[in-house]
Amino acid sequence: MECAGNEWAFIVLVSDGVSSILSDQEIVDLARDAPEPKSAANRVLSFSQDLGGDDNATAIVIPLAGWGTPYGLDRTKELREYRLRQAGKKHMITFVKNIDHKISVGSERLKRM
């Protein structure tokens, strides 16, 4: 693939630990406005982990001639915000279930005493 001129800003390579959680467009939108490639990769990784990714995750951002001149709309901002809210609810439900389980186990022990 030939990437001539300033037409292309970056290439993002990700492992299945990221691509199984994030869409291609989410990955592009997360990396788009980062000040440097490392922070772009960190944004992608952090977001996938925030959504509950538990697989090995790798992201590499390769800057091209157009780096630093981002253009285009962030098409997935609202979707990402929604997904974060949903992930937070899932974590809270799991946390509450774990607390309820511990309380009920403790209560059963007290009943036997």
PDB file of N, CA and C in Angstrom:
ATOM      1  N   MET A   1       0.853  -1.177   0.000  1.00  0.00           N
ATOM      2  CA  MET A   1       0.000   0.000   0.000  1.00  0.00           C
ATOM      3  C   MET A   1       0.891   1.229   0.000  1.00  0.00           C
ATOM      4  N   GLU A   2       0.614   2.142  -0.888  1.00  0.00           N
ATOM      5  CA  GLU A   2       1.384   3.373  -0.959  1.00  0.00           C
ATOM      6  C   GLU A   2       0.576   4.497  -0.326  1.00  0.00           C
ATOM      7  N   CYS A   3       1.187   5.182   0.637  1.00  0.00           N
ATOM      8  CA  CYS A   3       0.529   6.290   1.327  1.00  0.00           C
ATOM      9  C   CYS A   3       1.296   7.559   0.976  1.00  0.00           C
ATOM     10  N   ALA A   4       0.873   8.237  -0.054  1.00  0.00           N
ATOM     11  CA  ALA A   4       1.603   9.409  -0.542  1.00  0.00           C
ATOM     12  C   ALA A   4       1.087  10.697   0.082  1.00  0.00           C
ATOM     13  N   GLY A   5       2.016  11.630   0.288  1.00  0.00           N
ATOM     14  CA  GLY A   5       1.661  12.964   0.745  1.00  0.00           C
ATOM     15  C   GLY A   5       1.056  13.018   2.129  1.00  0.00           C
ATOM     16  N   ASN A   6       0.366  14.119   2.380  1.00  0.00           N
ATOM     17  CA  ASN A   6      -0.251  14.346   3.695  1.00  0.00           C
ATOM     18  C   ASN A   6      -1.657  13.774   3.781  1.00  0.00           C
ATOM     19  N   GLU A   7      -2.020  12.954   2.813  1.00  0.00           N
ATOM     20  CA  GLU A   7      -3.372  12.401   2.792  1.00  0.00           C
ATOM     21  C   GLU A   7      -3.640  11.472   3.973  1.00  0.00           C
ATOM     22  N   TRP A   8      -2.612  10.800   4.467  1.00  0.00           N
ATOM     23  CA  TRP A   8      -2.758   9.833   5.549  1.00  0.00           C
ATOM     24  C   TRP A   8      -2.009  10.322   6.776  1.00  0.00           C
ATOM     25  N   ALA A   9      -2.653  10.235   7.942  1.00  0.00           N
ATOM     26  CA  ALA A   9      -2.056  10.740   9.182  1.00  0.00           C
ATOM     27  C   ALA A   9      -1.421   9.645  10.022  1.00  0.00           C
ATOM     28  N   PHE A  10      -2.012   8.451  10.034  1.00  0.00           N
ATOM     29  CA  PHE A  10      -1.481   7.388  10.884  1.00  0.00           C
ATOM     30  C   PHE A  10      -2.045   6.038  10.487  1.00  0.00           C
ATOM     31  N   ILE A  11      -1.366   5.007  10.962  1.00  0.00           N
ATOM     32  CA  ILE A  11      -1.832   3.630  10.853  1.00  0.00           C
ATOM     33  C   ILE A  11      -1.886   3.084  12.271  1.00  0.00           C
ATOM     34  N   VAL A  12      -2.940   2.367  12.595  1.00  0.00           N
ATOM     35  CA  VAL A  12      -3.061   1.761  13.918  1.00  0.00           C
ATOM     36  C   VAL A  12      -3.094   0.246  13.746  1.00  0.00           C
ATOM     37  N   LEU A  13      -2.197  -0.429  14.442  1.00  0.00           N
ATOM     38  CA  LEU A  13      -2.182  -1.886  14.474  1.00  0.00           C
ATOM     39  C   LEU A  13      -2.651  -2.315  15.858  1.00  0.00           C
ATOM     40  N   VAL A  14      -3.610  -3.221  15.918  1.00  0.00           N
ATOM     41  CA  VAL A  14      -4.127  -3.679  17.210  1.00  0.00           C
ATOM     42  C   VAL A  14      -4.224  -5.194  17.225  1.00  0.00           C
ATOM     43  N   SER A  15      -4.140  -5.745  18.417  1.00  0.00           N
ATOM     44  CA  SER A  15      -4.331  -7.187  18.600  1.00  0.00           C
ATOM     45  C   SER A  15      -5.823  -7.477  18.736  1.00  0.00           C
ATOM     46  N   ASP A  16      -6.152  -8.761  18.749  1.00  0.00           N
ATOM     47  CA  ASP A  16      -7.558  -9.145  18.880  1.00  0.00           C
ATOM     48  C   ASP A  16      -8.141  -8.758  20.230  1.00  0.00           C
ATOM     49  N   GLY A  17      -7.292  -8.498  21.223  1.00  0.00           N
ATOM     50  CA  GLY A  17      -7.775  -8.035  22.516  1.00  0.00           C
ATOM     51  C   GLY A  17      -8.401  -6.652  22.436  1.00  0.00           C
ATOM     52  N   VAL A  18      -8.058  -5.906  21.395  1.00  0.00           N
ATOM     53  CA  VAL A  18      -8.654  -4.593  21.151  1.00  0.00           C
ATOM     54  C   VAL A  18      -9.742  -4.698  20.085  1.00  0.00           C
ATOM     55  N   SER A  19      -9.424  -5.356  18.983  1.00  0.00           N
ATOM     56  CA  SER A  19     -10.372  -5.408  17.860  1.00  0.00           C
ATOM     57  C   SER A  19     -11.640  -6.201  18.184  1.00  0.00           C
ATOM     58  N   SER A  20     -11.587  -7.046  19.208  1.00  0.00           N
ATOM     59  CA  SER A  20     -12.794  -7.773  19.598  1.00  0.00           C
ATOM     60  C   SER A  20     -13.731  -6.907  20.441  1.00  0.00           C
ATOM     61  N   ILE A  21     -13.250  -5.757  20.872  1.00  0.00           N
ATOM     62  CA  ILE A  21     -14.052  -4.872  21.717  1.00  0.00           C
ATOM     63  C   ILE A  21     -14.422  -3.575  21.007  1.00  0.00           C
ATOM     64  N   LEU A  22     -13.487  -3.026  20.239  1.00  0.00           N
ATOM     65  CA  LEU A  22     -13.689  -1.730  19.590  1.00  0.00           C
ATOM     66  C   LEU A  22     -13.851  -1.883  18.082  1.00  0.00           C
ATOM     67  N   SER A  23     -14.681  -1.031  17.512  1.00  0.00           N
ATOM     68  CA  SER A  23     -14.813  -0.998  16.051  1.00  0.00           C
ATOM     69  C   SER A  23     -13.623  -0.248  15.460  1.00  0.00           C
ATOM     70  N   ASP A  24     -13.412  -0.438  14.161  1.00  0.00           N
ATOM     71  CA  ASP A  24     -12.337   0.286  13.484  1.00  0.00           C
ATOM     72  C   ASP A  24     -12.517   1.792  13.645  1.00  0.00           C
ATOM     73  N   GLN A  25     -13.751   2.265  13.517  1.00  0.00           N
ATOM     74  CA  GLN A  25     -13.998   3.700  13.610  1.00  0.00           C
ATOM     75  C   GLN A  25     -13.731   4.224  15.019  1.00  0.00           C
ATOM     76  N   GLU A  26     -14.075   3.453  16.043  1.00  0.00           N
ATOM     77  CA  GLU A  26     -13.766   3.873  17.411  1.00  0.00           C
ATOM     78  C   GLU A  26     -12.261   4.000  17.606  1.00  0.00           C
ATOM     79  N   ILE A  27     -11.510   3.064  17.069  1.00  0.00           N
ATOM     80  CA  ILE A  27     -10.047   3.097  17.191  1.00  0.00           C
ATOM     81  C   ILE A  27      -9.499   4.349  16.512  1.00  0.00           C
ATOM     82  N   VAL A  28      -9.964   4.635  15.302  1.00  0.00           N
ATOM     83  CA  VAL A  28      -9.513   5.827  14.574  1.00  0.00           C
ATOM     84  C   VAL A  28      -9.869   7.090  15.352  1.00  0.00           C
ATOM     85  N   ASP A  29     -11.099   7.175  15.831  1.00  0.00           N
ATOM     86  CA  ASP A  29     -11.537   8.372  16.553  1.00  0.00           C
ATOM     87  C   ASP A  29     -10.761   8.571  17.851  1.00  0.00           C
ATOM     88  N   LEU A  30     -10.416   7.500  18.530  1.00  0.00           N
ATOM     89  CA  LEU A  30      -9.634   7.628  19.762  1.00  0.00           C
ATOM     90  C   LEU A  30      -8.215   8.110  19.472  1.00  0.00           C
ATOM     91  N   ALA A  31      -7.644   7.665  18.378  1.00  0.00           N
ATOM     92  CA  ALA A  31      -6.257   8.015  18.052  1.00  0.00           C
ATOM     93  C   ALA A  31      -6.127   9.361  17.346  1.00  0.00           C
ATOM     94  N   ARG A  32      -7.168   9.810  16.720  1.00  0.00           N
ATOM     95  CA  ARG A  32      -7.130  10.959  15.805  1.00  0.00           C
ATOM     96  C   ARG A  32      -6.476  12.226  16.371  1.00  0.00           C
ATOM     97  N   ASP A  33      -6.873  12.710  17.501  1.00  0.00           N
ATOM     98  CA  ASP A  33      -6.412  14.004  18.008  1.00  0.00           C
ATOM     99  C   ASP A  33      -5.290  13.909  19.038  1.00  0.00           C
ATOM    100  N   ALA A  34      -4.680  12.770  19.173  1.00  0.00           N
ATOM    101  CA  ALA A  34      -3.616  12.603  20.171  1.00  0.00           C
ATOM    102  C   ALA A  34      -2.388  13.428  19.769  1.00  0.00           C
ATOM    103  N   PRO A  35      -1.699  13.968  20.759  1.00  0.00           N
ATOM    104  CA  PRO A  35      -0.522  14.796  20.455  1.00  0.00           C
ATOM    105  C   PRO A  35       0.680  13.990  19.947  1.00  0.00           C
ATOM    106  N   GLU A  36       0.724  12.716  20.273  1.00  0.00           N
ATOM    107  CA  GLU A  36       1.838  11.875  19.827  1.00  0.00           C
ATOM    108  C   GLU A  36       1.354  10.435  19.691  1.00  0.00           C
ATOM    109  N   PRO A  37       2.060   9.622  18.920  1.00  0.00           N
ATOM    110  CA  PRO A  37       1.620   8.241  18.690  1.00  0.00           C
ATOM    111  C   PRO A  37       1.457   7.416  19.967  1.00  0.00           C
ATOM    112  N   LYS A  38       2.358   7.595  20.927  1.00  0.00           N
ATOM    113  CA  LYS A  38       2.260   6.804  22.157  1.00  0.00           C
ATOM    114  C   LYS A  38       0.971   7.111  22.912  1.00  0.00           C
ATOM    115  N   SER A  39       0.613   8.372  22.993  1.00  0.00           N
ATOM    116  CA  SER A  39      -0.624   8.714  23.702  1.00  0.00           C
ATOM    117  C   SER A  39      -1.846   8.240  22.915  1.00  0.00           C
ATOM    118  N   ALA A  40      -1.750   8.205  21.580  1.00  0.00           N
ATOM    119  CA  ALA A  40      -2.851   7.665  20.772  1.00  0.00           C
ATOM    120  C   ALA A  40      -3.044   6.183  21.084  1.00  0.00           C
ATOM    121  N   ALA A  41      -1.953   5.441  21.142  1.00  0.00           N
ATOM    122  CA  ALA A  41      -2.039   4.015  21.469  1.00  0.00           C
ATOM    123  C   ALA A  41      -2.586   3.815  22.878  1.00  0.00           C
ATOM    124  N   ASN A  42      -2.147   4.645  23.813  1.00  0.00           N
ATOM    125  CA  ASN A  42      -2.634   4.540  25.192  1.00  0.00           C
ATOM    126  C   ASN A  42      -4.132   4.818  25.285  1.00  0.00           C
ATOM    127  N   ARG A  43      -4.620   5.771  24.498  1.00  0.00           N
ATOM    128  CA  ARG A  43      -6.064   6.049  24.483  1.00  0.00           C
ATOM    129  C   ARG A  43      -6.857   4.823  24.042  1.00  0.00           C
ATOM    130  N   VAL A  44      -6.378   4.183  22.986  1.00  0.00           N
ATOM    131  CA  VAL A  44      -7.062   3.000  22.466  1.00  0.00           C
ATOM    132  C   VAL A  44      -7.060   1.887  23.511  1.00  0.00           C
ATOM    133  N   LEU A  45      -5.891   1.644  24.112  1.00  0.00           N
ATOM    134  CA  LEU A  45      -5.784   0.582  25.115  1.00  0.00           C
ATOM    135  C   LEU A  45      -6.623   0.874  26.349  1.00  0.00           C
ATOM    136  N   SER A  46      -6.558   2.103  26.825  1.00  0.00           N
ATOM    137  CA  SER A  46      -7.313   2.475  28.034  1.00  0.00           C
ATOM    138  C   SER A  46      -8.808   2.311  27.824  1.00  0.00           C
ATOM    139  N   PHE A  47      -9.280   2.747  26.668  1.00  0.00           N
ATOM    140  CA  PHE A  47     -10.713   2.646  26.416  1.00  0.00           C
ATOM    141  C   PHE A  47     -11.156   1.187  26.337  1.00  0.00           C
ATOM    142  N   SER A  48     -10.370   0.354  25.671  1.00  0.00           N
ATOM    143  CA  SER A  48     -10.761  -1.058  25.588  1.00  0.00           C
ATOM    144  C   SER A  48     -10.771  -1.703  26.972  1.00  0.00           C
ATOM    145  N   GLN A  49      -9.844  -1.302  27.829  1.00  0.00           N
ATOM    146  CA  GLN A  49      -9.818  -1.831  29.195  1.00  0.00           C
ATOM    147  C   GLN A  49     -10.986  -1.284  30.012  1.00  0.00           C
ATOM    148  N   ASP A  50     -11.338  -0.017  29.788  1.00  0.00           N
ATOM    149  CA  ASP A  50     -12.484   0.572  30.495  1.00  0.00           C
ATOM    150  C   ASP A  50     -13.787  -0.150  30.165  1.00  0.00           C
ATOM    151  N   LEU A  51     -13.846  -0.730  28.979  1.00  0.00           N
ATOM    152  CA  LEU A  51     -15.039  -1.474  28.584  1.00  0.00           C
ATOM    153  C   LEU A  51     -15.022  -2.911  29.087  1.00  0.00           C
ATOM    154  N   GLY A  52     -13.979  -3.270  29.818  1.00  0.00           N
ATOM    155  CA  GLY A  52     -13.933  -4.594  30.400  1.00  0.00           C
ATOM    156  C   GLY A  52     -13.087  -5.587  29.641  1.00  0.00           C
ATOM    157  N   GLY A  53     -12.274  -5.126  28.724  1.00  0.00           N
ATOM    158  CA  GLY A  53     -11.405  -6.030  27.984  1.00  0.00           C
ATOM    159  C   GLY A  53     -10.463  -6.755  28.922  1.00  0.00           C
ATOM    160  N   ASP A  54     -10.471  -8.084  28.849  1.00  0.00           N
ATOM    161  CA  ASP A  54      -9.612  -8.846  29.751  1.00  0.00           C
ATOM    162  C   ASP A  54      -8.608  -9.704  28.987  1.00  0.00           C
ATOM    163  N   ASP A  55      -8.613  -9.585  27.671  1.00  0.00           N
ATOM    164  CA  ASP A  55      -7.655 -10.309  26.844  1.00  0.00           C
ATOM    165  C   ASP A  55      -6.380  -9.465  26.735  1.00  0.00           C
ATOM    166  N   ASN A  56      -5.288 -10.087  26.317  1.00  0.00           N
ATOM    167  CA  ASN A  56      -4.076  -9.318  26.059  1.00  0.00           C
ATOM    168  C   ASN A  56      -4.380  -8.296  24.982  1.00  0.00           C
ATOM    169  N   ALA A  57      -4.017  -7.054  25.230  1.00  0.00           N
ATOM    170  CA  ALA A  57      -4.322  -5.985  24.292  1.00  0.00           C
ATOM    171  C   ALA A  57      -3.048  -5.259  23.894  1.00  0.00           C
ATOM    172  N   THR A  58      -2.915  -5.025  22.598  1.00  0.00           N
ATOM    173  CA  THR A  58      -1.764  -4.306  22.063  1.00  0.00           C
ATOM    174  C   THR A  58      -2.255  -3.304  21.034  1.00  0.00           C
ATOM    175  N   ALA A  59      -1.689  -2.107  21.065  1.00  0.00           N
ATOM    176  CA  ALA A  59      -1.980  -1.095  20.054  1.00  0.00           C
ATOM    177  C   ALA A  59      -0.683  -0.380  19.709  1.00  0.00           C
ATOM    178  N   ILE A  60      -0.434  -0.240  18.429  1.00  0.00           N
ATOM    179  CA  ILE A  60       0.739   0.485  17.940  1.00  0.00           C
ATOM    180  C   ILE A  60       0.232   1.518  16.942  1.00  0.00           C
ATOM    181  N   VAL A  61       0.621   2.763  17.137  1.00  0.00           N
ATOM    182  CA  VAL A  61       0.227   3.828  16.216  1.00  0.00           C
ATOM    183  C   VAL A  61       1.475   4.295  15.478  1.00  0.00           C
ATOM    184  N   ILE A  62       1.408   4.222  14.162  1.00  0.00           N
ATOM    185  CA  ILE A  62       2.528   4.619  13.315  1.00  0.00           C
ATOM    186  C   ILE A  62       2.176   5.946  12.656  1.00  0.00           C
ATOM    187  N   PRO A  63       2.938   7.010  12.971  1.00  0.00           N
ATOM    188  CA  PRO A  63       2.645   8.308  12.352  1.00  0.00           C
ATOM    189  C   PRO A  63       3.092   8.325  10.888  1.00  0.00           C
ATOM    190  N   LEU A  64       2.293   8.967  10.060  1.00  0.00           N
ATOM    191  CA  LEU A  64       2.622   9.133   8.644  1.00  0.00           C
ATOM    192  C   LEU A  64       2.792  10.627   8.356  1.00  0.00           C
ATOM    193  N   ALA A  65       2.976  10.969   7.114  1.00  0.00           N
ATOM    194  CA  ALA A  65       3.269  12.360   6.730  1.00  0.00           C
ATOM    195  C   ALA A  65       2.205  13.348   7.202  1.00  0.00           C
ATOM    196  N   GLY A  66       0.960  12.913   7.288  1.00  0.00           N
ATOM    197  CA  GLY A  66      -0.110  13.814   7.698  1.00  0.00           C
ATOM    198  C   GLY A  66      -0.318  13.916   9.197  1.00  0.00           C
ATOM    199  N   TRP A  67       0.567  13.310   9.984  1.00  0.00           N
ATOM    200  CA  TRP A  67       0.411  13.335  11.450  1.00  0.00           C
ATOM    201  C   TRP A  67       0.383  14.782  11.929  1.00  0.00           C
ATOM    202  N   GLY A  68      -0.485  15.041  12.877  1.00  0.00           N
ATOM    203  CA  GLY A  68      -0.571  16.381  13.462  1.00  0.00           C
ATOM    204  C   GLY A  68      -1.553  17.285  12.739  1.00  0.00           C
ATOM    205  N   THR A  69      -2.123  16.823  11.668  1.00  0.00           N
ATOM    206  CA  THR A  69      -3.128  17.603  10.961  1.00  0.00           C
ATOM    207  C   THR A  69      -4.429  16.812  10.904  1.00  0.00           C
ATOM    208  N   PRO A  70      -5.023  16.576  12.071  1.00  0.00           N
ATOM    209  CA  PRO A  70      -6.247  15.762  12.100  1.00  0.00           C
ATOM    210  C   PRO A  70      -7.399  16.482  11.414  1.00  0.00           C
ATOM    211  N   TYR A  71      -8.182  15.715  10.760  1.00  0.00           N
ATOM    212  CA  TYR A  71      -9.378  16.256  10.135  1.00  0.00           C
ATOM    213  C   TYR A  71     -10.470  15.203  10.219  1.00  0.00           C
ATOM    214  N   GLY A  72     -11.662  15.653  10.054  1.00  0.00           N
ATOM    215  CA  GLY A  72     -12.783  14.728  10.127  1.00  0.00           C
ATOM    216  C   GLY A  72     -13.476  14.801  11.472  1.00  0.00           C
ATOM    217  N   LEU A  73     -14.672  14.288  11.476  1.00  0.00           N
ATOM    218  CA  LEU A  73     -15.495  14.300  12.680  1.00  0.00           C
ATOM    219  C   LEU A  73     -15.210  13.081  13.543  1.00  0.00           C
ATOM    220  N   ASP A  74     -15.401  13.241  14.831  1.00  0.00           N
ATOM    221  CA  ASP A  74     -15.364  12.112  15.755  1.00  0.00           C
ATOM    222  C   ASP A  74     -16.741  11.468  15.666  1.00  0.00           C
ATOM    223  N   ARG A  75     -16.852  10.443  14.857  1.00  0.00           N
ATOM    224  CA  ARG A  75     -18.149   9.838  14.577  1.00  0.00           C
ATOM    225  C   ARG A  75     -18.641   8.903  15.677  1.00  0.00           C
ATOM    226  N   THR A  76     -17.778   8.553  16.624  1.00  0.00           N
ATOM    227  CA  THR A  76     -18.182   7.565  17.629  1.00  0.00           C
ATOM    228  C   THR A  76     -18.192   8.114  19.053  1.00  0.00           C
ATOM    229  N   LYS A  77     -18.092   9.407  19.208  1.00  0.00           N
ATOM    230  CA  LYS A  77     -18.024   9.984  20.554  1.00  0.00           C
ATOM    231  C   LYS A  77     -19.238   9.595  21.404  1.00  0.00           C
ATOM    232  N   GLU A  78     -20.423   9.793  20.866  1.00  0.00           N
ATOM    233  CA  GLU A  78     -21.638   9.466  21.628  1.00  0.00           C
ATOM    234  C   GLU A  78     -21.732   7.972  21.905  1.00  0.00           C
ATOM    235  N   LEU A  79     -21.363   7.160  20.932  1.00  0.00           N
ATOM    236  CA  LEU A  79     -21.368   5.711  21.125  1.00  0.00           C
ATOM    237  C   LEU A  79     -20.394   5.311  22.231  1.00  0.00           C
ATOM    238  N   ARG A  80     -19.200   5.889  22.226  1.00  0.00           N
ATOM    239  CA  ARG A  80     -18.208   5.549  23.253  1.00  0.00           C
ATOM    240  C   ARG A  80     -18.678   5.972  24.635  1.00  0.00           C
ATOM    241  N   GLU A  81     -19.295   7.136  24.732  1.00  0.00           N
ATOM    242  CA  GLU A  81     -19.828   7.592  26.025  1.00  0.00           C
ATOM    243  C   GLU A  81     -20.904   6.636  26.521  1.00  0.00           C
ATOM    244  N   TYR A  82     -21.780   6.208  25.624  1.00  0.00           N
ATOM    245  CA  TYR A  82     -22.833   5.254  25.973  1.00  0.00           C
ATOM    246  C   TYR A  82     -22.220   3.931  26.435  1.00  0.00           C
ATOM    247  N   ARG A  83     -21.250   3.438  25.684  1.00  0.00           N
ATOM    248  CA  ARG A  83     -20.624   2.164  26.031  1.00  0.00           C
ATOM    249  C   ARG A  83     -19.927   2.244  27.390  1.00  0.00           C
ATOM    250  N   LEU A  84     -19.317   3.388  27.697  1.00  0.00           N
ATOM    251  CA  LEU A  84     -18.682   3.550  29.017  1.00  0.00           C
ATOM    252  C   LEU A  84     -19.723   3.507  30.127  1.00  0.00           C
ATOM    253  N   ARG A  85     -20.848   4.185  29.906  1.00  0.00           N
ATOM    254  CA  ARG A  85     -21.919   4.159  30.921  1.00  0.00           C
ATOM    255  C   ARG A  85     -22.405   2.729  31.130  1.00  0.00           C
ATOM    256  N   GLN A  86     -22.604   1.996  30.045  1.00  0.00           N
ATOM    257  CA  GLN A  86     -23.079   0.612  30.148  1.00  0.00           C
ATOM    258  C   GLN A  86     -22.041  -0.265  30.851  1.00  0.00           C
ATOM    259  N   ALA A  87     -20.776  -0.063  30.532  1.00  0.00           N
ATOM    260  CA  ALA A  87     -19.716  -0.851  31.180  1.00  0.00           C
ATOM    261  C   ALA A  87     -19.670  -0.546  32.669  1.00  0.00           C
ATOM    262  N   GLY A  88     -19.880   0.707  33.032  1.00  0.00           N
ATOM    263  CA  GLY A  88     -19.903   1.080  34.440  1.00  0.00           C
ATOM    264  C   GLY A  88     -21.043   0.415  35.180  1.00  0.00           C
ATOM    265  N   LYS A  89     -22.195   0.321  34.536  1.00  0.00           N
ATOM    266  CA  LYS A  89     -23.345  -0.344  35.157  1.00  0.00           C
ATOM    267  C   LYS A  89     -23.063  -1.822  35.353  1.00  0.00           C
ATOM    268  N   LYS A  90     -22.429  -2.457  34.375  1.00  0.00           N
ATOM    269  CA  LYS A  90     -22.114  -3.881  34.495  1.00  0.00           C
ATOM    270  C   LYS A  90     -21.156  -4.111  35.647  1.00  0.00           C
ATOM    271  N   HIS A  91     -20.158  -3.221  35.788  1.00  0.00           N
ATOM    272  CA  HIS A  91     -19.207  -3.368  36.884  1.00  0.00           C
ATOM    273  C   HIS A  91     -19.906  -3.185  38.234  1.00  0.00           C
ATOM    274  N   MET A  92     -20.846  -2.245  38.294  1.00  0.00           N
ATOM    275  CA  MET A  92     -21.568  -2.018  39.548  1.00  0.00           C
ATOM    276  C   MET A  92     -22.448  -3.229  39.881  1.00  0.00           C
ATOM    277  N   ILE A  93     -23.102  -3.799  38.884  1.00  0.00           N
ATOM    278  CA  ILE A  93     -23.951  -4.967  39.127  1.00  0.00           C
ATOM    279  C   ILE A  93     -23.111  -6.129  39.640  1.00  0.00           C
ATOM    280  N   THR A  94     -21.964  -6.350  39.028  1.00  0.00           N
ATOM    281  CA  THR A  94     -21.069  -7.418  39.470  1.00  0.00           C
ATOM    282  C   THR A  94     -20.602  -7.159  40.890  1.00  0.00           C
ATOM    283  N   PHE A  95     -20.249  -5.916  41.191  1.00  0.00           N
ATOM    284  CA  PHE A  95     -19.782  -5.547  42.517  1.00  0.00           C
ATOM    285  C   PHE A  95     -20.877  -5.804  43.552  1.00  0.00           C
ATOM    286  N   VAL A  96     -22.096  -5.386  43.255  1.00  0.00           N
ATOM    287  CA  VAL A  96     -23.216  -5.582  44.185  1.00  0.00           C
ATOM    288  C   VAL A  96     -23.490  -7.073  44.368  1.00  0.00           C
ATOM    289  N   LYS A  97     -23.460  -7.847  43.291  1.00  0.00           N
ATOM    290  CA  LYS A  97     -23.686  -9.293  43.410  1.00  0.00           C
ATOM    291  C   LYS A  97     -22.632  -9.923  44.305  1.00  0.00           C
ATOM    292  N   ASN A  98     -21.377  -9.485  44.147  1.00  0.00           N
ATOM    293  CA  ASN A  98     -20.307 -10.029  44.985  1.00  0.00           C
ATOM    294  C   ASN A  98     -20.523  -9.655  46.446  1.00  0.00           C
ATOM    295  N   ILE A  99     -20.950  -8.429  46.701  1.00  0.00           N
ATOM    296  CA  ILE A  99     -21.209  -8.008  48.081  1.00  0.00           C
ATOM    297  C   ILE A  99     -22.380  -8.816  48.649  1.00  0.00           C
ATOM    298  N   ASP A 100     -23.466  -8.940  47.864  1.00  0.00           N
ATOM    299  CA  ASP A 100     -24.628  -9.707  48.324  1.00  0.00           C
ATOM    300  C   ASP A 100     -24.228 -11.142  48.643  1.00  0.00           C
ATOM    301  N   HIS A 101     -23.403 -11.728  47.809  1.00  0.00           N
ATOM    302  CA  HIS A 101     -22.964 -13.104  48.031  1.00  0.00           C
ATOM    303  C   HIS A 101     -22.177 -13.199  49.343  1.00  0.00           C
ATOM    304  N   LYS A 102     -21.282 -12.250  49.553  1.00  0.00           N
ATOM    305  CA  LYS A 102     -20.476 -12.277  50.773  1.00  0.00           C
ATOM    306  C   LYS A 102     -21.350 -12.086  52.005  1.00  0.00           C
ATOM    307  N   ILE A 103     -22.336 -11.204  51.892  1.00  0.00           N
ATOM    308  CA  ILE A 103     -23.227 -10.969  53.021  1.00  0.00           C
ATOM    309  C   ILE A 103     -24.052 -12.220  53.308  1.00  0.00           C
ATOM    310  N   SER A 104     -24.588 -12.845  52.249  1.00  0.00           N
ATOM    311  CA  SER A 104     -25.420 -14.024  52.484  1.00  0.00           C
ATOM    312  C   SER A 104     -24.591 -15.183  53.011  1.00  0.00           C
ATOM    313  N   VAL A 105     -23.366 -15.321  52.552  1.00  0.00           N
ATOM    314  CA  VAL A 105     -22.487 -16.364  53.074  1.00  0.00           C
ATOM    315  C   VAL A 105     -22.202 -16.100  54.549  1.00  0.00           C
ATOM    316  N   GLY A 106     -21.937 -14.854  54.857  1.00  0.00           N
ATOM    317  CA  GLY A 106     -21.675 -14.500  56.258  1.00  0.00           C
ATOM    318  C   GLY A 106     -22.883 -14.739  57.138  1.00  0.00           C
ATOM    319  N   SER A 107     -24.057 -14.432  56.613  1.00  0.00           N
ATOM    320  CA  SER A 107     -25.298 -14.640  57.361  1.00  0.00           C
ATOM    321  C   SER A 107     -25.538 -16.115  57.621  1.00  0.00           C
ATOM    322  N   GLU A 108     -25.263 -16.971  56.645  1.00  0.00           N
ATOM    323  CA  GLU A 108     -25.424 -18.406  56.815  1.00  0.00           C
ATOM    324  C   GLU A 108     -24.488 -18.929  57.902  1.00  0.00           C
ATOM    325  N   ARG A 109     -23.294 -18.420  57.935  1.00  0.00           N
ATOM    326  CA  ARG A 109     -22.332 -18.835  58.961  1.00  0.00           C
ATOM    327  C   ARG A 109     -22.829 -18.443  60.339  1.00  0.00           C
ATOM    328  N   LEU A 110     -23.383 -17.217  60.425  1.00  0.00           N
ATOM    329  CA  LEU A 110     -23.879 -16.768  61.722  1.00  0.00           C
ATOM    330  C   LEU A 110     -25.069 -17.625  62.191  1.00  0.00           C
ATOM    331  N   LYS A 111     -25.925 -18.039  61.259  1.00  0.00           N
ATOM    332  CA  LYS A 111     -27.078 -18.860  61.604  1.00  0.00           C
ATOM    333  C   LYS A 111     -26.623 -20.216  62.173  1.00  0.00           C
ATOM    334  N   ARG A 112     -25.519 -20.714  61.663  1.00  0.00           N
ATOM    335  CA  ARG A 112     -25.033 -22.026  62.123  1.00  0.00           C
ATOM    336  C   ARG A 112     -24.359 -21.940  63.483  1.00  0.00           C
ATOM    337  N   MET A 113     -24.002 -20.795  63.914  1.00  0.00           N
ATOM    338  CA  MET A 113     -23.257 -20.662  65.174  1.00  0.00           C
ATOM    339  C   MET A 113     -24.143 -20.727  66.368  1.00  0.00           C
TER     340      MET A 113
END
